PDB file of N, CA and C in Angstrom:
ATOM      1  N   MET A   1     -82.797 -26.277   3.266  1.00  0.00           N
ATOM      2  CA  MET A   1     -82.784 -24.991   3.954  1.00  0.00           C
ATOM      3  C   MET A   1     -83.238 -23.924   2.980  1.00  0.00           C
ATOM      4  N   ASN A   2     -84.137 -23.055   3.409  1.00  0.00           N
ATOM      5  CA  ASN A   2     -84.565 -21.934   2.594  1.00  0.00           C
ATOM      6  C   ASN A   2     -83.970 -20.666   3.211  1.00  0.00           C
ATOM      7  N   ALA A   3     -82.901 -20.154   2.565  1.00  0.00           N
ATOM      8  CA  ALA A   3     -82.201 -18.974   3.103  1.00  0.00           C
ATOM      9  C   ALA A   3     -82.645 -17.701   2.406  1.00  0.00           C
ATOM     10  N   GLY A   4     -83.681 -17.791   1.533  1.00  0.00           N
ATOM     11  CA  GLY A   4     -84.142 -16.608   0.813  1.00  0.00           C
ATOM     12  C   GLY A   4     -83.112 -16.081  -0.127  1.00  0.00           C
ATOM     13  N   LEU A   5     -82.841 -14.772  -0.113  1.00  0.00           N
ATOM     14  CA  LEU A   5     -81.907 -14.124  -1.018  1.00  0.00           C
ATOM     15  C   LEU A   5     -80.511 -14.737  -0.921  1.00  0.00           C
ATOM     16  N   CYS A   6     -80.145 -15.200   0.255  1.00  0.00           N
ATOM     17  CA  CYS A   6     -78.788 -15.729   0.447  1.00  0.00           C
ATOM     18  C   CYS A   6     -78.543 -16.914  -0.468  1.00  0.00           C
ATOM     19  N   ASP A   7     -79.569 -17.669  -0.813  1.00  0.00           N
ATOM     20  CA  ASP A   7     -79.392 -18.834  -1.647  1.00  0.00           C
ATOM     21  C   ASP A   7     -78.925 -18.485  -3.062  1.00  0.00           C
ATOM     22  N   ARG A   8     -79.066 -17.215  -3.455  1.00  0.00           N
ATOM     23  CA  ARG A   8     -78.633 -16.759  -4.773  1.00  0.00           C
ATOM     24  C   ARG A   8     -77.528 -15.711  -4.658  1.00  0.00           C
ATOM     25  N   CYS A   9     -76.977 -15.482  -3.480  1.00  0.00           N
ATOM     26  CA  CYS A   9     -75.987 -14.407  -3.262  1.00  0.00           C
ATOM     27  C   CYS A   9     -74.553 -14.962  -3.327  1.00  0.00           C
ATOM     28  N   ARG A  10     -73.671 -14.165  -3.961  1.00  0.00           N
ATOM     29  CA  ARG A  10     -72.290 -14.589  -4.051  1.00  0.00           C
ATOM     30  C   ARG A  10     -71.555 -14.586  -2.697  1.00  0.00           C
ATOM     31  N   HIS A  11     -72.133 -13.967  -1.674  1.00  0.00           N
ATOM     32  CA  HIS A  11     -71.470 -13.880  -0.368  1.00  0.00           C
ATOM     33  C   HIS A  11     -71.867 -15.006   0.598  1.00  0.00           C
ATOM     34  N   GLN A  12     -72.779 -15.885   0.165  1.00  0.00           N
ATOM     35  CA  GLN A  12     -73.213 -16.969   1.049  1.00  0.00           C
ATOM     36  C   GLN A  12     -72.200 -18.118   1.039  1.00  0.00           C
ATOM     37  N   ARG A  13     -71.974 -18.653   2.219  1.00  0.00           N
ATOM     38  CA  ARG A  13     -71.180 -19.866   2.359  1.00  0.00           C
ATOM     39  C   ARG A  13     -72.006 -20.845   3.235  1.00  0.00           C
ATOM     40  N   ILE A  14     -72.172 -22.067   2.795  1.00  0.00           N
ATOM     41  CA  ILE A  14     -72.893 -23.069   3.561  1.00  0.00           C
ATOM     42  C   ILE A  14     -71.888 -23.692   4.513  1.00  0.00           C
ATOM     43  N   VAL A  15     -72.258 -23.710   5.811  1.00  0.00           N
ATOM     44  CA  VAL A  15     -71.401 -24.269   6.856  1.00  0.00           C
ATOM     45  C   VAL A  15     -72.131 -25.464   7.492  1.00  0.00           C
ATOM     46  N   ARG A  16     -71.443 -26.585   7.564  1.00  0.00           N
ATOM     47  CA  ARG A  16     -71.988 -27.787   8.197  1.00  0.00           C
ATOM     48  C   ARG A  16     -71.163 -28.093   9.428  1.00  0.00           C
ATOM     49  N   ASN A  17     -71.836 -28.470  10.550  1.00  0.00           N
ATOM     50  CA  ASN A  17     -71.082 -28.825  11.738  1.00  0.00           C
ATOM     51  C   ASN A  17     -71.061 -30.322  11.881  1.00  0.00           C
ATOM     52  N   THR A  18     -70.321 -30.778  12.880  1.00  0.00           N
ATOM     53  CA  THR A  18     -70.143 -32.207  13.104  1.00  0.00           C
ATOM     54  C   THR A  18     -71.394 -32.914  13.568  1.00  0.00           C
ATOM     55  N   ARG A  19     -72.390 -32.165  14.034  1.00  0.00           N
ATOM     56  CA  ARG A  19     -73.659 -32.787  14.461  1.00  0.00           C
ATOM     57  C   ARG A  19     -74.747 -32.774  13.412  1.00  0.00           C
ATOM     58  N   GLY A  20     -74.378 -32.403  12.187  1.00  0.00           N
ATOM     59  CA  GLY A  20     -75.306 -32.443  11.084  1.00  0.00           C
ATOM     60  C   GLY A  20     -76.067 -31.152  10.835  1.00  0.00           C
ATOM     61  N   GLY A  21     -75.776 -30.101  11.597  1.00  0.00           N
ATOM     62  CA  GLY A  21     -76.429 -28.810  11.391  1.00  0.00           C
ATOM     63  C   GLY A  21     -75.930 -28.142  10.124  1.00  0.00           C
ATOM     64  N   VAL A  22     -76.781 -27.399   9.446  1.00  0.00           N
ATOM     65  CA  VAL A  22     -76.395 -26.688   8.228  1.00  0.00           C
ATOM     66  C   VAL A  22     -76.785 -25.186   8.493  1.00  0.00           C
ATOM     67  N   PHE A  23     -75.820 -24.301   8.183  1.00  0.00           N
ATOM     68  CA  PHE A  23     -76.041 -22.885   8.433  1.00  0.00           C
ATOM     69  C   PHE A  23     -75.611 -22.081   7.202  1.00  0.00           C
ATOM     70  N   SER A  24     -76.267 -20.946   7.006  1.00  0.00           N
ATOM     71  CA  SER A  24     -75.945 -20.026   5.926  1.00  0.00           C
ATOM     72  C   SER A  24     -75.133 -18.872   6.510  1.00  0.00           C
ATOM     73  N   MET A  25     -73.852 -18.823   6.134  1.00  0.00           N
ATOM     74  CA  MET A  25     -72.970 -17.758   6.651  1.00  0.00           C
ATOM     75  C   MET A  25     -72.807 -16.658   5.611  1.00  0.00           C
ATOM     76  N   CYS A  26     -72.848 -15.395   6.026  1.00  0.00           N
ATOM     77  CA  CYS A  26     -72.608 -14.258   5.153  1.00  0.00           C
ATOM     78  C   CYS A  26     -71.142 -13.876   5.257  1.00  0.00           C
ATOM     79  N   GLU A  27     -70.413 -14.061   4.121  1.00  0.00           N
ATOM     80  CA  GLU A  27     -68.991 -13.708   4.126  1.00  0.00           C
ATOM     81  C   GLU A  27     -68.731 -12.212   4.140  1.00  0.00           C
ATOM     82  N   ARG A  28     -69.783 -11.395   3.843  1.00  0.00           N
ATOM     83  CA  ARG A  28     -69.628  -9.950   3.973  1.00  0.00           C
ATOM     84  C   ARG A  28     -69.384  -9.548   5.417  1.00  0.00           C
ATOM     85  N   SER A  29     -69.803 -10.384   6.352  1.00  0.00           N
ATOM     86  CA  SER A  29     -69.634 -10.063   7.777  1.00  0.00           C
ATOM     87  C   SER A  29     -68.146  -9.980   8.157  1.00  0.00           C
ATOM     88  N   ARG A  30     -67.309 -10.596   7.374  1.00  0.00           N
ATOM     89  CA  ARG A  30     -65.860 -10.568   7.693  1.00  0.00           C
ATOM     90  C   ARG A  30     -65.244  -9.144   7.535  1.00  0.00           C
ATOM     91  N   THR A  31     -65.809  -8.361   6.637  1.00  0.00           N
ATOM     92  CA  THR A  31     -65.222  -7.053   6.364  1.00  0.00           C
ATOM     93  C   THR A  31     -66.176  -5.897   6.660  1.00  0.00           C
ATOM     94  N   ASP A  32     -67.416  -6.218   6.957  1.00  0.00           N
ATOM     95  CA  ASP A  32     -68.436  -5.147   7.177  1.00  0.00           C
ATOM     96  C   ASP A  32     -69.354  -5.574   8.333  1.00  0.00           C
ATOM     97  N   GLU A  33     -69.235  -4.873   9.448  1.00  0.00           N
ATOM     98  CA  GLU A  33     -69.987  -5.239  10.644  1.00  0.00           C
ATOM     99  C   GLU A  33     -71.515  -5.024  10.521  1.00  0.00           C
ATOM    100  N   ARG A  34     -71.950  -4.361   9.460  1.00  0.00           N
ATOM    101  CA  ARG A  34     -73.395  -4.175   9.273  1.00  0.00           C
ATOM    102  C   ARG A  34     -74.092  -5.473   8.907  1.00  0.00           C
ATOM    103  N   TYR A  35     -73.317  -6.481   8.478  1.00  0.00           N
ATOM    104  CA  TYR A  35     -73.932  -7.770   8.078  1.00  0.00           C
ATOM    105  C   TYR A  35     -73.681  -8.808   9.134  1.00  0.00           C
ATOM    106  N   PRO A  36     -74.745  -9.460   9.588  1.00  0.00           N
ATOM    107  CA  PRO A  36     -74.576 -10.513  10.599  1.00  0.00           C
ATOM    108  C   PRO A  36     -73.895 -11.738   9.993  1.00  0.00           C
ATOM    109  N   LYS A  37     -73.052 -12.407  10.775  1.00  0.00           N
ATOM    110  CA  LYS A  37     -72.366 -13.602  10.296  1.00  0.00           C
ATOM    111  C   LYS A  37     -73.373 -14.688   9.885  1.00  0.00           C
ATOM    112  N   TYR A  38     -74.372 -14.880  10.724  1.00  0.00           N
ATOM    113  CA  TYR A  38     -75.437 -15.872  10.482  1.00  0.00           C
ATOM    114  C   TYR A  38     -76.774 -15.164  10.545  1.00  0.00           C
ATOM    115  N   PRO A  39     -77.252 -14.618   9.386  1.00  0.00           N
ATOM    116  CA  PRO A  39     -78.457 -13.825   9.429  1.00  0.00           C
ATOM    117  C   PRO A  39     -79.717 -14.688   9.716  1.00  0.00           C
ATOM    118  N   ARG A  40     -80.721 -14.049  10.278  1.00  0.00           N
ATOM    119  CA  ARG A  40     -82.017 -14.718  10.473  1.00  0.00           C
ATOM    120  C   ARG A  40     -82.622 -15.078   9.127  1.00  0.00           C
ATOM    121  N   LEU A  41     -83.035 -16.309   8.967  1.00  0.00           N
ATOM    122  CA  LEU A  41     -83.537 -16.793   7.716  1.00  0.00           C
ATOM    123  C   LEU A  41     -85.043 -16.907   7.691  1.00  0.00           C
ATOM    124  N   PRO A  42     -85.690 -16.809   6.564  1.00  0.00           N
ATOM    125  CA  PRO A  42     -85.110 -16.449   5.258  1.00  0.00           C
ATOM    126  C   PRO A  42     -84.887 -14.946   5.118  1.00  0.00           C
ATOM    127  N   VAL A  43     -83.832 -14.584   4.435  1.00  0.00           N
ATOM    128  CA  VAL A  43     -83.539 -13.162   4.203  1.00  0.00           C
ATOM    129  C   VAL A  43     -84.317 -12.711   2.996  1.00  0.00           C
ATOM    130  N   GLU A  44     -85.115 -11.682   3.194  1.00  0.00           N
ATOM    131  CA  GLU A  44     -85.978 -11.142   2.129  1.00  0.00           C
ATOM    132  C   GLU A  44     -85.419  -9.878   1.499  1.00  0.00           C
ATOM    133  N   HIS A  45     -84.661  -9.091   2.264  1.00  0.00           N
ATOM    134  CA  HIS A  45     -84.070  -7.848   1.800  1.00  0.00           C
ATOM    135  C   HIS A  45     -82.650  -7.753   2.326  1.00  0.00           C
ATOM    136  N   CYS A  46     -81.703  -7.326   1.492  1.00  0.00           N
ATOM    137  CA  CYS A  46     -80.318  -7.167   1.913  1.00  0.00           C
ATOM    138  C   CYS A  46     -79.635  -6.151   0.996  1.00  0.00           C
ATOM    139  N   ALA A  47     -79.099  -5.098   1.574  1.00  0.00           N
ATOM    140  CA  ALA A  47     -78.439  -4.086   0.793  1.00  0.00           C
ATOM    141  C   ALA A  47     -77.153  -4.591   0.174  1.00  0.00           C
ATOM    142  N   GLY A  48     -76.562  -5.656   0.757  1.00  0.00           N
ATOM    143  CA  GLY A  48     -75.316  -6.189   0.203  1.00  0.00           C
ATOM    144  C   GLY A  48     -75.451  -7.363  -0.754  1.00  0.00           C
ATOM    145  N   TYR A  49     -76.709  -7.638  -1.130  1.00  0.00           N
ATOM    146  CA  TYR A  49     -76.938  -8.758  -2.028  1.00  0.00           C
ATOM    147  C   TYR A  49     -76.288  -8.565  -3.377  1.00  0.00           C
ATOM    148  N   GLU A  50     -75.538  -9.577  -3.821  1.00  0.00           N
ATOM    149  CA  GLU A  50     -74.954  -9.577  -5.180  1.00  0.00           C
ATOM    150  C   GLU A  50     -75.246 -10.947  -5.758  1.00  0.00           C
ATOM    151  N   ARG A  51     -75.900 -10.985  -6.867  1.00  0.00           N
ATOM    152  CA  ARG A  51     -76.283 -12.283  -7.526  1.00  0.00           C
ATOM    153  C   ARG A  51     -75.046 -13.124  -7.787  1.00  0.00           C
ATOM    154  N   ARG A  52     -75.114 -14.390  -7.400  1.00  0.00           N
ATOM    155  CA  ARG A  52     -74.055 -15.326  -7.609  1.00  0.00           C
ATOM    156  C   ARG A  52     -73.955 -15.644  -9.119  1.00  0.00           C
ATOM    157  N   PRO A  53     -72.747 -15.658  -9.689  1.00  0.00           N
ATOM    158  CA  PRO A  53     -72.619 -16.058 -11.098  1.00  0.00           C
ATOM    159  C   PRO A  53     -73.188 -17.439 -11.293  1.00  0.00           C
ATOM    160  N   VAL A  54     -73.747 -17.671 -12.444  1.00  0.00           N
ATOM    161  CA  VAL A  54     -74.436 -18.957 -12.721  1.00  0.00           C
ATOM    162  C   VAL A  54     -73.496 -20.145 -12.578  1.00  0.00           C
ATOM    163  N   SER A  55     -72.259 -20.036 -12.948  1.00  0.00           N
ATOM    164  CA  SER A  55     -71.300 -21.162 -12.932  1.00  0.00           C
ATOM    165  C   SER A  55     -70.731 -21.392 -11.540  1.00  0.00           C
ATOM    166  N   ALA A  56     -70.899 -20.478 -10.607  1.00  0.00           N
ATOM    167  CA  ALA A  56     -70.281 -20.636  -9.253  1.00  0.00           C
ATOM    168  C   ALA A  56     -71.083 -21.631  -8.426  1.00  0.00           C
ATOM    169  N   SER A  57     -70.337 -22.389  -7.648  1.00  0.00           N
ATOM    170  CA  SER A  57     -71.017 -23.343  -6.721  1.00  0.00           C
ATOM    171  C   SER A  57     -70.908 -22.788  -5.316  1.00  0.00           C
ATOM    172  N   ARG A  58     -71.679 -23.387  -4.379  1.00  0.00           N
ATOM    173  CA  ARG A  58     -71.627 -22.900  -3.016  1.00  0.00           C
ATOM    174  C   ARG A  58     -70.470 -23.382  -2.309  1.00  0.00           C
TER     175      ARG A  58
END
């Protein structure tokens, strides 16, 4: 999956469903309604983007 900026963002969470689907969820959506829970991919611009620390895993 190519999620654009989300692939390097600390707020991304990868969600897998029971049918094998994989989705990129924005955890900022939990506290800020300006961010969609499941943004249209690939995300090229995002005001809430924060680079994920190198040691953090998804």
